[in-house]
Amino acid sequence: MEYRTLGRTGWKVSEIGFGGWQLGGTWGRVDNRESVDTLLYAFEQGINFVDTAFAYGKGRSEEVIGKALKEWSGDKIYVATKVTPVKQEMTTLDVDGNPPIKGRYPEWYIRQMVEGSLRRLGVERLDLLQLHLWFESGVYELEWLETLNALRLEGKIDKIGVSLADIRPNQGVDLAQLGLVDTIQVMFNIFEQQPMDELFPMGKTTNTGFIARVPLDSGALTGTWTDASYSEWGVEDKRHAMYHGSRFKKTLQRIEDIKNVCQPFYNKLADAALRYALHPEEVGLIIPGMRNKNEVDLNIAISDGAKFPEELANSLKSHRWKHEFYD
């Protein structure tokens, strides 16, 4: 396992982290005991960073991780969790209209969420607490930051971060420029390449740590999907709603095109996709989801320090695709 420094946190984190969304049951049925065993196996293989959130199964993901931490007796495991915003009148998580941050993260609410996460994870301090949605007015309206700083001084949290909305990396450019948080989590993969334009370069100037999520584009870039895949997903699987109508066939065609580009360099599309997500120097780690030990092995196999081919990176620029299927 290769390790990188996560920005100004100073943490040496495994470049392959453990994404915990699936542990909450949102991406199909999961067995809690198998999830705990998978986490422990990942820890044994050198993974030392786990990302979760209250929103992942209304705390279920945090509880599962808490059980794994209780059973783990090895080296330090960094756990990042998130606080969802108060929705108020919002009916969706659409932030394109630049709504104000005021009232979305009130002090009483953040404190309540932090106490819940501490309890479910079974820890005395949260390593990294992230806002689960960013509102651009947050660089001016700083109640959220005052509350998080107070919690840091109280010993309830260590580092603070923000998780940006999907396919909207530029909403974090000002945040990165000011260096208000230790880390920024952003969607980044072969399709979603926009963070390299402005966000990553700006974050580099303030030594902001970047956590790249969805490196396999919710499974699309594993290269394992077939024409029959959609019919195999149950209605409880988030992909069933994401890829309805013509979306699945359009995505499948794009996958085949990318496979052809990557084939001279990598036999498996998943290998190319994971390595691509790690190739910018600003990325501290990627956090693919893992359901079982086999998926852990497949993900960590690419952590070998090999440089991503510049020729392939240039060829993949034409495959940028700004898409959002979470409606």
C-alpha atoms as a PDB file:
ATOM      1  CA  MET A   1       0.000   0.000   0.000  1.00  0.00           C
ATOM      2  CA  GLU A   2       1.238   3.463  -0.935  1.00  0.00           C
ATOM      3  CA  TYR A   3       0.622   6.385   1.426  1.00  0.00           C
ATOM      4  CA  ARG A   4       0.246  10.094   0.790  1.00  0.00           C
ATOM      5  CA  THR A   5       0.096  13.195   2.970  1.00  0.00           C
ATOM      6  CA  LEU A   6      -3.450  14.554   3.086  1.00  0.00           C
ATOM      7  CA  GLY A   7      -2.800  18.254   2.645  1.00  0.00           C
ATOM      8  CA  ARG A   8      -2.071  20.244   5.772  1.00  0.00           C
ATOM      9  CA  THR A   9      -3.623  17.610   8.043  1.00  0.00           C
ATOM     10  CA  GLY A  10      -0.167  16.037   7.992  1.00  0.00           C
ATOM     11  CA  TRP A  11      -1.813  12.604   8.059  1.00  0.00           C
ATOM     12  CA  LYS A  12      -0.168   9.788   6.152  1.00  0.00           C
ATOM     13  CA  VAL A  13      -3.193   8.111   4.613  1.00  0.00           C
ATOM     14  CA  SER A  14      -3.480   5.092   2.376  1.00  0.00           C
ATOM     15  CA  GLU A  15      -4.035   6.307  -1.173  1.00  0.00           C
ATOM     16  CA  ILE A  16      -6.898   3.812  -1.335  1.00  0.00           C
ATOM     17  CA  GLY A  17      -9.457   4.723   1.306  1.00  0.00           C
ATOM     18  CA  PHE A  18     -12.667   2.915   2.180  1.00  0.00           C
ATOM     19  CA  GLY A  19     -15.852   4.596   0.944  1.00  0.00           C
ATOM     20  CA  GLY A  20     -18.664   3.701   3.327  1.00  0.00           C
ATOM     21  CA  TRP A  21     -21.856   4.734   1.521  1.00  0.00           C
ATOM     22  CA  GLN A  22     -22.770   1.152   0.557  1.00  0.00           C
ATOM     23  CA  LEU A  23     -22.551   0.061   4.206  1.00  0.00           C
ATOM     24  CA  GLY A  24     -25.794   1.910   4.844  1.00  0.00           C
ATOM     25  CA  GLY A  25     -27.736  -0.289   2.424  1.00  0.00           C
ATOM     26  CA  THR A  26     -28.403   2.424  -0.155  1.00  0.00           C
ATOM     27  CA  TRP A  27     -26.761   0.487  -2.981  1.00  0.00           C
ATOM     28  CA  GLY A  28     -28.528  -2.796  -2.384  1.00  0.00           C
ATOM     29  CA  ARG A  29     -28.800  -5.175   0.523  1.00  0.00           C
ATOM     30  CA  VAL A  30     -25.775  -5.632   2.744  1.00  0.00           C
ATOM     31  CA  ASP A  31     -25.057  -7.856   5.703  1.00  0.00           C
ATOM     32  CA  ASN A  32     -23.664  -5.959   8.686  1.00  0.00           C
ATOM     33  CA  ARG A  33     -21.392  -8.789   9.780  1.00  0.00           C
ATOM     34  CA  GLU A  34     -19.914  -9.125   6.306  1.00  0.00           C
ATOM     35  CA  SER A  35     -19.421  -5.368   6.222  1.00  0.00           C
ATOM     36  CA  VAL A  36     -17.503  -5.439   9.512  1.00  0.00           C
ATOM     37  CA  ASP A  37     -15.365  -8.331   8.288  1.00  0.00           C
ATOM     38  CA  THR A  38     -14.675  -6.460   5.043  1.00  0.00           C
ATOM     39  CA  LEU A  39     -13.584  -3.372   6.963  1.00  0.00           C
ATOM     40  CA  LEU A  40     -11.285  -5.389   9.214  1.00  0.00           C
ATOM     41  CA  TYR A  41      -9.770  -7.107   6.193  1.00  0.00           C
ATOM     42  CA  ALA A  42      -9.215  -3.716   4.546  1.00  0.00           C
ATOM     43  CA  PHE A  43      -7.463  -2.465   7.679  1.00  0.00           C
ATOM     44  CA  GLU A  44      -5.246  -5.536   7.675  1.00  0.00           C
ATOM     45  CA  GLN A  45      -4.233  -4.774   4.084  1.00  0.00           C
ATOM     46  CA  GLY A  46      -3.110  -1.274   5.000  1.00  0.00           C
ATOM     47  CA  ILE A  47      -6.177   0.871   4.375  1.00  0.00           C
ATOM     48  CA  ASN A  48      -6.248   3.431   7.181  1.00  0.00           C
ATOM     49  CA  PHE A  49      -8.949   5.894   6.109  1.00  0.00           C
ATOM     50  CA  VAL A  50     -12.726   5.385   6.079  1.00  0.00           C
ATOM     51  CA  ASP A  51     -15.313   7.867   4.819  1.00  0.00           C
ATOM     52  CA  THR A  52     -18.903   7.756   6.023  1.00  0.00           C
ATOM     53  CA  ALA A  53     -21.885   9.995   6.854  1.00  0.00           C
ATOM     54  CA  PHE A  54     -25.061  10.029   8.877  1.00  0.00           C
ATOM     55  CA  ALA A  55     -26.955  10.147   5.567  1.00  0.00           C
ATOM     56  CA  TYR A  56     -25.624   6.710   4.621  1.00  0.00           C
ATOM     57  CA  GLY A  57     -28.506   4.664   5.960  1.00  0.00           C
ATOM     58  CA  LYS A  58     -29.439   7.219   8.639  1.00  0.00           C
ATOM     59  CA  GLY A  59     -26.420   6.300  10.726  1.00  0.00           C
ATOM     60  CA  ARG A  60     -26.192   2.624   9.795  1.00  0.00           C
ATOM     61  CA  SER A  61     -22.871   3.054   8.002  1.00  0.00           C
ATOM     62  CA  GLU A  62     -21.406   4.833  11.031  1.00  0.00           C
ATOM     63  CA  GLU A  63     -22.647   2.095  13.349  1.00  0.00           C
ATOM     64  CA  VAL A  64     -21.075  -0.637  11.222  1.00  0.00           C
ATOM     65  CA  ILE A  65     -17.764   1.221  11.129  1.00  0.00           C
ATOM     66  CA  GLY A  66     -18.001   1.729  14.877  1.00  0.00           C
ATOM     67  CA  LYS A  67     -18.298  -2.034  15.376  1.00  0.00           C
ATOM     68  CA  ALA A  68     -15.239  -2.614  13.177  1.00  0.00           C
ATOM     69  CA  LEU A  69     -13.224  -0.012  15.093  1.00  0.00           C
ATOM     70  CA  LYS A  70     -14.151  -1.702  18.359  1.00  0.00           C
ATOM     71  CA  GLU A  71     -12.815  -5.018  17.066  1.00  0.00           C
ATOM     72  CA  TRP A  72      -9.674  -3.507  15.524  1.00  0.00           C
ATOM     73  CA  SER A  73      -6.503  -3.529  17.605  1.00  0.00           C
ATOM     74  CA  GLY A  74      -3.967  -2.415  15.020  1.00  0.00           C
ATOM     75  CA  ASP A  75      -2.649   0.952  13.837  1.00  0.00           C
ATOM     76  CA  LYS A  76      -4.583   4.201  13.685  1.00  0.00           C
ATOM     77  CA  ILE A  77      -7.643   4.327  11.421  1.00  0.00           C
ATOM     78  CA  TYR A  78      -8.760   7.783  10.349  1.00  0.00           C
ATOM     79  CA  VAL A  79     -12.525   8.152  10.125  1.00  0.00           C
ATOM     80  CA  ALA A  80     -14.221  10.973   8.246  1.00  0.00           C
ATOM     81  CA  THR A  81     -17.934  11.575   8.624  1.00  0.00           C
ATOM     82  CA  LYS A  82     -20.355  14.276   7.508  1.00  0.00           C
ATOM     83  CA  VAL A  83     -23.153  16.554   8.686  1.00  0.00           C
ATOM     84  CA  THR A  84     -26.074  16.898   6.298  1.00  0.00           C
ATOM     85  CA  PRO A  85     -27.610  20.388   6.016  1.00  0.00           C
ATOM     86  CA  VAL A  86     -30.956  21.346   7.483  1.00  0.00           C
ATOM     87  CA  LYS A  87     -33.227  21.246   4.443  1.00  0.00           C
ATOM     88  CA  GLN A  88     -35.753  23.868   5.541  1.00  0.00           C
ATOM     89  CA  GLU A  89     -37.781  24.670   2.441  1.00  0.00           C
ATOM     90  CA  MET A  90     -35.399  22.820   0.134  1.00  0.00           C
ATOM     91  CA  THR A  91     -37.038  19.926  -1.647  1.00  0.00           C
ATOM     92  CA  THR A  92     -33.823  18.782  -3.330  1.00  0.00           C
ATOM     93  CA  LEU A  93     -30.118  19.152  -2.768  1.00  0.00           C
ATOM     94  CA  ASP A  94     -29.857  21.480  -5.764  1.00  0.00           C
ATOM     95  CA  VAL A  95     -27.385  24.273  -5.027  1.00  0.00           C
ATOM     96  CA  ASP A  96     -27.178  25.693  -8.544  1.00  0.00           C
ATOM     97  CA  GLY A  97     -29.275  28.704  -7.571  1.00  0.00           C
ATOM     98  CA  ASN A  98     -26.603  29.620  -4.999  1.00  0.00           C
ATOM     99  CA  PRO A  99     -28.900  29.496  -1.950  1.00  0.00           C
ATOM    100  CA  PRO A 100     -27.497  31.011   1.273  1.00  0.00           C
ATOM    101  CA  ILE A 101     -25.777  28.850   3.856  1.00  0.00           C
ATOM    102  CA  LYS A 102     -27.512  30.719   6.666  1.00  0.00           C
ATOM    103  CA  GLY A 103     -29.748  28.370   8.618  1.00  0.00           C
ATOM    104  CA  ARG A 104     -28.378  25.235   6.966  1.00  0.00           C
ATOM    105  CA  TYR A 105     -25.798  24.434   9.645  1.00  0.00           C
ATOM    106  CA  PRO A 106     -26.957  26.097  12.877  1.00  0.00           C
ATOM    107  CA  GLU A 107     -24.834  25.500  15.974  1.00  0.00           C
ATOM    108  CA  TRP A 108     -27.446  23.448  17.843  1.00  0.00           C
ATOM    109  CA  TYR A 109     -27.832  21.172  14.834  1.00  0.00           C
ATOM    110  CA  ILE A 110     -24.119  20.591  14.198  1.00  0.00           C
ATOM    111  CA  ARG A 111     -23.608  19.800  17.878  1.00  0.00           C
ATOM    112  CA  GLN A 112     -26.501  17.365  17.846  1.00  0.00           C
ATOM    113  CA  MET A 113     -25.148  15.615  14.747  1.00  0.00           C
ATOM    114  CA  VAL A 114     -21.623  15.455  16.140  1.00  0.00           C
ATOM    115  CA  GLU A 115     -22.796  13.848  19.377  1.00  0.00           C
ATOM    116  CA  GLY A 116     -24.730  11.270  17.362  1.00  0.00           C
ATOM    117  CA  SER A 117     -21.722  10.440  15.193  1.00  0.00           C
ATOM    118  CA  LEU A 118     -19.451  10.127  18.217  1.00  0.00           C
ATOM    119  CA  ARG A 119     -21.900   7.694  19.792  1.00  0.00           C
ATOM    120  CA  ARG A 120     -22.435   5.585  16.676  1.00  0.00           C
ATOM    121  CA  LEU A 121     -18.726   5.398  15.853  1.00  0.00           C
ATOM    122  CA  GLY A 122     -17.790   4.735  19.473  1.00  0.00           C
ATOM    123  CA  VAL A 123     -15.013   7.339  19.539  1.00  0.00           C
ATOM    124  CA  GLU A 124     -14.223  10.325  21.738  1.00  0.00           C
ATOM    125  CA  ARG A 125     -13.161  12.584  18.877  1.00  0.00           C
ATOM    126  CA  LEU A 126     -14.024  12.685  15.171  1.00  0.00           C
ATOM    127  CA  ASP A 127     -10.878  12.730  13.036  1.00  0.00           C
ATOM    128  CA  LEU A 128     -12.511  14.669  10.207  1.00  0.00           C
ATOM    129  CA  LEU A 129     -15.951  16.271  10.157  1.00  0.00           C
ATOM    130  CA  GLN A 130     -17.198  17.429   6.761  1.00  0.00           C
ATOM    131  CA  LEU A 131     -20.181  19.518   5.761  1.00  0.00           C
ATOM    132  CA  HIS A 132     -22.157  17.235   3.457  1.00  0.00           C
ATOM    133  CA  LEU A 133     -23.137  20.015   1.095  1.00  0.00           C
ATOM    134  CA  TRP A 134     -21.468  23.330   0.400  1.00  0.00           C
ATOM    135  CA  PHE A 135     -23.179  26.671  -0.075  1.00  0.00           C
ATOM    136  CA  GLU A 136     -20.928  29.281  -1.650  1.00  0.00           C
ATOM    137  CA  SER A 137     -22.030  32.063   0.694  1.00  0.00           C
ATOM    138  CA  GLY A 138     -20.229  30.089   3.394  1.00  0.00           C
ATOM    139  CA  VAL A 139     -17.038  32.013   2.645  1.00  0.00           C
ATOM    140  CA  TYR A 140     -18.787  35.130   4.006  1.00  0.00           C
ATOM    141  CA  GLU A 141     -21.322  33.742   6.482  1.00  0.00           C
ATOM    142  CA  LEU A 142     -19.160  31.897   8.982  1.00  0.00           C
ATOM    143  CA  GLU A 143     -21.456  30.558  11.707  1.00  0.00           C
ATOM    144  CA  TRP A 144     -20.660  27.027  10.527  1.00  0.00           C
ATOM    145  CA  LEU A 145     -16.919  27.649  10.866  1.00  0.00           C
ATOM    146  CA  GLU A 146     -17.245  29.245  14.297  1.00  0.00           C
ATOM    147  CA  THR A 147     -19.146  26.190  15.518  1.00  0.00           C
ATOM    148  CA  LEU A 148     -16.652  23.722  14.076  1.00  0.00           C
ATOM    149  CA  ASN A 149     -13.716  25.652  15.527  1.00  0.00           C
ATOM    150  CA  ALA A 150     -15.404  25.621  18.939  1.00  0.00           C
ATOM    151  CA  LEU A 151     -15.859  21.858  18.674  1.00  0.00           C
ATOM    152  CA  ARG A 152     -12.187  21.501  17.790  1.00  0.00           C
ATOM    153  CA  LEU A 153     -11.182  23.423  20.899  1.00  0.00           C
ATOM    154  CA  GLU A 154     -13.515  21.221  22.946  1.00  0.00           C
ATOM    155  CA  GLY A 155     -11.816  18.114  21.611  1.00  0.00           C
ATOM    156  CA  LYS A 156     -14.899  16.768  19.825  1.00  0.00           C
ATOM    157  CA  ILE A 157     -13.400  16.979  16.334  1.00  0.00           C
ATOM    158  CA  ASP A 158      -9.856  17.228  14.978  1.00  0.00           C
ATOM    159  CA  LYS A 159      -9.950  18.406  11.348  1.00  0.00           C
ATOM    160  CA  ILE A 160     -12.712  19.986   9.290  1.00  0.00           C
ATOM    161  CA  GLY A 161     -13.695  19.604   5.655  1.00  0.00           C
ATOM    162  CA  VAL A 162     -16.374  20.107   3.037  1.00  0.00           C
ATOM    163  CA  SER A 163     -17.897  17.604   0.632  1.00  0.00           C
ATOM    164  CA  LEU A 164     -18.888  19.365  -2.591  1.00  0.00           C
ATOM    165  CA  ALA A 165     -22.035  18.597  -4.559  1.00  0.00           C
ATOM    166  CA  ASP A 166     -21.592  16.256  -7.516  1.00  0.00           C
ATOM    167  CA  ILE A 167     -20.290  17.733 -10.790  1.00  0.00           C
ATOM    168  CA  ARG A 168     -19.950  21.212  -9.238  1.00  0.00           C
ATOM    169  CA  PRO A 169     -16.264  21.402  -8.289  1.00  0.00           C
ATOM    170  CA  ASN A 170     -15.964  25.098  -9.059  1.00  0.00           C
ATOM    171  CA  GLN A 171     -18.227  25.863  -6.116  1.00  0.00           C
ATOM    172  CA  GLY A 172     -15.244  25.029  -3.933  1.00  0.00           C
ATOM    173  CA  VAL A 173     -12.638  27.221  -5.631  1.00  0.00           C
ATOM    174  CA  ASP A 174     -13.116  30.224  -3.314  1.00  0.00           C
ATOM    175  CA  LEU A 175     -13.191  27.895  -0.323  1.00  0.00           C
ATOM    176  CA  ALA A 176      -9.879  26.382  -1.411  1.00  0.00           C
ATOM    177  CA  GLN A 177      -8.345  29.787  -2.106  1.00  0.00           C
ATOM    178  CA  LEU A 178      -9.125  31.003   1.413  1.00  0.00           C
ATOM    179  CA  GLY A 179      -8.000  27.746   3.004  1.00  0.00           C
ATOM    180  CA  LEU A 180     -10.962  27.702   5.384  1.00  0.00           C
ATOM    181  CA  VAL A 181     -11.009  23.909   5.713  1.00  0.00           C
ATOM    182  CA  ASP A 182      -8.384  21.181   5.905  1.00  0.00           C
ATOM    183  CA  THR A 183      -9.915  18.972   3.210  1.00  0.00           C
ATOM    184  CA  ILE A 184     -12.310  19.122   0.292  1.00  0.00           C
ATOM    185  CA  GLN A 185     -14.063  16.021  -0.990  1.00  0.00           C
ATOM    186  CA  VAL A 186     -15.002  16.101  -4.661  1.00  0.00           C
ATOM    187  CA  MET A 187     -16.318  13.788  -7.363  1.00  0.00           C
ATOM    188  CA  PHE A 188     -13.423  12.996  -9.706  1.00  0.00           C
ATOM    189  CA  ASN A 189     -13.010  10.262 -12.290  1.00  0.00           C
ATOM    190  CA  ILE A 190     -12.460   9.703 -16.016  1.00  0.00           C
ATOM    191  CA  PHE A 191     -15.875  11.212 -16.782  1.00  0.00           C
ATOM    192  CA  GLU A 192     -15.740  14.023 -14.212  1.00  0.00           C
ATOM    193  CA  GLN A 193     -12.402  15.693 -14.935  1.00  0.00           C
ATOM    194  CA  GLN A 194     -13.343  19.301 -14.153  1.00  0.00           C
ATOM    195  CA  PRO A 195     -11.623  19.484 -10.718  1.00  0.00           C
ATOM    196  CA  MET A 196      -8.280  19.562 -12.535  1.00  0.00           C
ATOM    197  CA  ASP A 197      -9.184  22.853 -14.236  1.00  0.00           C
ATOM    198  CA  GLU A 198      -9.408  25.206 -11.245  1.00  0.00           C
ATOM    199  CA  LEU A 199     -10.149  23.426  -7.957  1.00  0.00           C
ATOM    200  CA  PHE A 200      -7.026  21.273  -7.640  1.00  0.00           C
ATOM    201  CA  PRO A 201      -4.600  24.054  -8.682  1.00  0.00           C
ATOM    202  CA  MET A 202      -6.215  26.505  -6.253  1.00  0.00           C
ATOM    203  CA  GLY A 203      -6.170  23.997  -3.397  1.00  0.00           C
ATOM    204  CA  LYS A 204      -2.496  23.380  -4.008  1.00  0.00           C
ATOM    205  CA  THR A 205      -1.747  27.014  -3.132  1.00  0.00           C
ATOM    206  CA  THR A 206      -3.250  26.565   0.345  1.00  0.00           C
ATOM    207  CA  ASN A 207      -2.176  22.941   0.851  1.00  0.00           C
ATOM    208  CA  THR A 208      -5.803  21.802   1.013  1.00  0.00           C
ATOM    209  CA  GLY A 209      -6.170  18.024   1.102  1.00  0.00           C
ATOM    210  CA  PHE A 210      -8.360  16.486  -1.604  1.00  0.00           C
ATOM    211  CA  ILE A 211     -10.444  13.350  -1.203  1.00  0.00           C
ATOM    212  CA  ALA A 212     -11.602  12.031  -4.585  1.00  0.00           C
ATOM    213  CA  ARG A 213     -14.880  10.158  -4.428  1.00  0.00           C
ATOM    214  CA  VAL A 214     -16.704   7.974  -6.967  1.00  0.00           C
ATOM    215  CA  PRO A 215     -13.488   7.042  -8.851  1.00  0.00           C
ATOM    216  CA  LEU A 216     -15.391   4.209 -10.528  1.00  0.00           C
ATOM    217  CA  ASP A 217     -18.435   6.382 -11.301  1.00  0.00           C
ATOM    218  CA  SER A 218     -20.825   4.337  -9.144  1.00  0.00           C
ATOM    219  CA  GLY A 219     -19.614   1.146 -10.809  1.00  0.00           C
ATOM    220  CA  ALA A 220     -19.779   2.250 -14.428  1.00  0.00           C
ATOM    221  CA  LEU A 221     -15.993   2.375 -14.735  1.00  0.00           C
ATOM    222  CA  THR A 222     -15.443  -1.094 -13.302  1.00  0.00           C
ATOM    223  CA  GLY A 223     -15.858  -2.358 -16.844  1.00  0.00           C
ATOM    224  CA  THR A 224     -17.999  -5.259 -15.670  1.00  0.00           C
ATOM    225  CA  TRP A 225     -21.407  -4.013 -16.783  1.00  0.00           C
ATOM    226  CA  THR A 226     -23.208  -5.805 -19.604  1.00  0.00           C
ATOM    227  CA  ASP A 227     -26.495  -5.279 -21.426  1.00  0.00           C
ATOM    228  CA  ALA A 228     -28.163  -7.361 -18.709  1.00  0.00           C
ATOM    229  CA  SER A 229     -26.757  -5.470 -15.722  1.00  0.00           C
ATOM    230  CA  TYR A 230     -29.623  -3.012 -15.298  1.00  0.00           C
ATOM    231  CA  SER A 231     -32.220  -5.779 -15.024  1.00  0.00           C
ATOM    232  CA  GLU A 232     -30.147  -7.401 -12.277  1.00  0.00           C
ATOM    233  CA  TRP A 233     -30.349  -4.389  -9.954  1.00  0.00           C
ATOM    234  CA  GLY A 234     -33.199  -4.481  -7.453  1.00  0.00           C
ATOM    235  CA  VAL A 235     -35.378  -1.441  -6.827  1.00  0.00           C
ATOM    236  CA  GLU A 236     -33.593  -0.900  -3.497  1.00  0.00           C
ATOM    237  CA  ASP A 237     -30.327  -0.437  -5.422  1.00  0.00           C
ATOM    238  CA  LYS A 238     -29.700   3.259  -6.110  1.00  0.00           C
ATOM    239  CA  ARG A 239     -28.417   2.428  -9.590  1.00  0.00           C
ATOM    240  CA  HIS A 240     -31.883   1.214 -10.574  1.00  0.00           C
ATOM    241  CA  ALA A 241     -33.164   4.786 -10.359  1.00  0.00           C
ATOM    242  CA  MET A 242     -29.976   6.456 -11.545  1.00  0.00           C
ATOM    243  CA  TYR A 243     -29.787   4.650 -14.875  1.00  0.00           C
ATOM    244  CA  HIS A 244     -33.442   4.473 -15.844  1.00  0.00           C
ATOM    245  CA  GLY A 245     -34.660   5.092 -19.390  1.00  0.00           C
ATOM    246  CA  SER A 246     -31.930   5.608 -21.965  1.00  0.00           C
ATOM    247  CA  ARG A 247     -29.273   6.488 -19.407  1.00  0.00           C
ATOM    248  CA  PHE A 248     -27.951   2.969 -19.033  1.00  0.00           C
ATOM    249  CA  LYS A 249     -27.417   2.351 -22.758  1.00  0.00           C
ATOM    250  CA  LYS A 250     -25.779   5.752 -23.223  1.00  0.00           C
ATOM    251  CA  THR A 251     -23.445   5.084 -20.319  1.00  0.00           C
ATOM    252  CA  LEU A 252     -22.624   1.595 -21.557  1.00  0.00           C
ATOM    253  CA  GLN A 253     -21.563   2.960 -24.945  1.00  0.00           C
ATOM    254  CA  ARG A 254     -19.285   5.524 -23.313  1.00  0.00           C
ATOM    255  CA  ILE A 255     -17.766   2.754 -21.204  1.00  0.00           C
ATOM    256  CA  GLU A 256     -16.947   0.716 -24.299  1.00  0.00           C
ATOM    257  CA  ASP A 257     -15.301   3.726 -25.929  1.00  0.00           C
ATOM    258  CA  ILE A 258     -13.098   4.284 -22.874  1.00  0.00           C
ATOM    259  CA  LYS A 259     -12.206   0.592 -22.709  1.00  0.00           C
ATOM    260  CA  ASN A 260     -10.807   0.805 -26.233  1.00  0.00           C
ATOM    261  CA  VAL A 261      -8.668   3.804 -25.295  1.00  0.00           C
ATOM    262  CA  CYS A 262      -7.302   2.160 -22.139  1.00  0.00           C
ATOM    263  CA  GLN A 263      -6.763  -1.350 -23.526  1.00  0.00           C
ATOM    264  CA  PRO A 264      -3.204  -0.755 -24.798  1.00  0.00           C
ATOM    265  CA  PHE A 265      -2.202   0.327 -21.285  1.00  0.00           C
ATOM    266  CA  TYR A 266      -4.400  -1.663 -18.875  1.00  0.00           C
ATOM    267  CA  ASN A 267      -6.249  -4.938 -19.344  1.00  0.00           C
ATOM    268  CA  LYS A 268      -8.945  -3.957 -16.854  1.00  0.00           C
ATOM    269  CA  LEU A 269     -10.905  -0.723 -17.070  1.00  0.00           C
ATOM    270  CA  ALA A 270     -11.198  -0.590 -13.271  1.00  0.00           C
ATOM    271  CA  ASP A 271      -7.402  -0.516 -12.961  1.00  0.00           C
ATOM    272  CA  ALA A 272      -7.194   2.387 -15.390  1.00  0.00           C
ATOM    273  CA  ALA A 273     -10.029   4.257 -13.672  1.00  0.00           C
ATOM    274  CA  LEU A 274      -8.600   3.962 -10.162  1.00  0.00           C
ATOM    275  CA  ARG A 275      -5.106   4.891 -11.295  1.00  0.00           C
ATOM    276  CA  TYR A 276      -6.494   7.838 -13.254  1.00  0.00           C
ATOM    277  CA  ALA A 277      -8.281   9.199 -10.169  1.00  0.00           C
ATOM    278  CA  LEU A 278      -4.986   9.058  -8.271  1.00  0.00           C
ATOM    279  CA  HIS A 279      -2.768  10.613 -10.923  1.00  0.00           C
ATOM    280  CA  PRO A 280      -3.128  14.334 -10.013  1.00  0.00           C
ATOM    281  CA  GLU A 281      -0.558  15.160  -7.357  1.00  0.00           C
ATOM    282  CA  GLU A 282      -3.150  17.173  -5.415  1.00  0.00           C
ATOM    283  CA  VAL A 283      -5.275  14.080  -4.694  1.00  0.00           C
ATOM    284  CA  GLY A 284      -4.560  12.690  -1.244  1.00  0.00           C
ATOM    285  CA  LEU A 285      -6.616   9.545  -1.668  1.00  0.00           C
ATOM    286  CA  ILE A 286      -9.578   7.984  -3.435  1.00  0.00           C
ATOM    287  CA  ILE A 287     -12.484   6.325  -1.619  1.00  0.00           C
ATOM    288  CA  PRO A 288     -14.089   3.567  -3.701  1.00  0.00           C
ATOM    289  CA  GLY A 289     -16.855   1.569  -2.080  1.00  0.00           C
ATOM    290  CA  MET A 290     -16.150  -2.046  -1.137  1.00  0.00           C
ATOM    291  CA  ARG A 291     -18.731  -4.701  -0.315  1.00  0.00           C
ATOM    292  CA  ASN A 292     -16.496  -7.700   0.314  1.00  0.00           C
ATOM    293  CA  LYS A 293     -12.901  -8.871   0.640  1.00  0.00           C
ATOM    294  CA  ASN A 294     -12.599  -9.569  -3.068  1.00  0.00           C
ATOM    295  CA  GLU A 295     -13.422  -5.941  -3.887  1.00  0.00           C
ATOM    296  CA  VAL A 296     -10.842  -4.821  -1.337  1.00  0.00           C
ATOM    297  CA  ASP A 297      -8.205  -6.913  -3.111  1.00  0.00           C
ATOM    298  CA  LEU A 298      -9.186  -5.550  -6.520  1.00  0.00           C
ATOM    299  CA  ASN A 299      -8.910  -1.960  -5.319  1.00  0.00           C
ATOM    300  CA  ILE A 300      -5.660  -2.170  -3.382  1.00  0.00           C
ATOM    301  CA  ALA A 301      -3.911  -4.054  -6.171  1.00  0.00           C
ATOM    302  CA  ILE A 302      -3.384  -0.812  -8.079  1.00  0.00           C
ATOM    303  CA  SER A 303      -1.527   0.863  -5.189  1.00  0.00           C
ATOM    304  CA  ASP A 304       1.972   0.109  -6.436  1.00  0.00           C
ATOM    305  CA  GLY A 305       3.511   3.527  -7.003  1.00  0.00           C
ATOM    306  CA  ALA A 306       3.476   3.195 -10.803  1.00  0.00           C
ATOM    307  CA  LYS A 307       3.102   6.461 -12.716  1.00  0.00           C
ATOM    308  CA  PHE A 308      -0.040   6.903 -14.817  1.00  0.00           C
ATOM    309  CA  PRO A 309       0.867   7.154 -18.528  1.00  0.00           C
ATOM    310  CA  GLU A 310       0.790  10.777 -19.680  1.00  0.00           C
ATOM    311  CA  GLU A 311      -0.208   9.643 -23.158  1.00  0.00           C
ATOM    312  CA  LEU A 312      -3.304   7.921 -21.767  1.00  0.00           C
ATOM    313  CA  ALA A 313      -4.210  10.888 -19.566  1.00  0.00           C
ATOM    314  CA  ASN A 314      -4.161  13.114 -22.639  1.00  0.00           C
ATOM    315  CA  SER A 315      -6.222  10.652 -24.659  1.00  0.00           C
ATOM    316  CA  LEU A 316      -8.880  10.512 -21.949  1.00  0.00           C
ATOM    317  CA  LYS A 317      -9.444  14.279 -22.001  1.00  0.00           C
ATOM    318  CA  SER A 318     -11.952  13.882 -24.824  1.00  0.00           C
ATOM    319  CA  HIS A 319     -14.049  11.528 -22.678  1.00  0.00           C
ATOM    320  CA  ARG A 320     -15.038  14.172 -20.128  1.00  0.00           C
ATOM    321  CA  TRP A 321     -18.742  13.867 -19.420  1.00  0.00           C
ATOM    322  CA  LYS A 322     -20.530  16.144 -16.982  1.00  0.00           C
ATOM    323  CA  HIS A 323     -23.467  14.096 -15.773  1.00  0.00           C
ATOM    324  CA  GLU A 324     -25.604  13.696 -12.691  1.00  0.00           C
ATOM    325  CA  PHE A 325     -27.914  10.752 -12.185  1.00  0.00           C
ATOM    326  CA  TYR A 326     -28.912  11.174  -8.546  1.00  0.00           C
ATOM    327  CA  ASP A 327     -32.393  12.552  -9.245  1.00  0.00           C
END
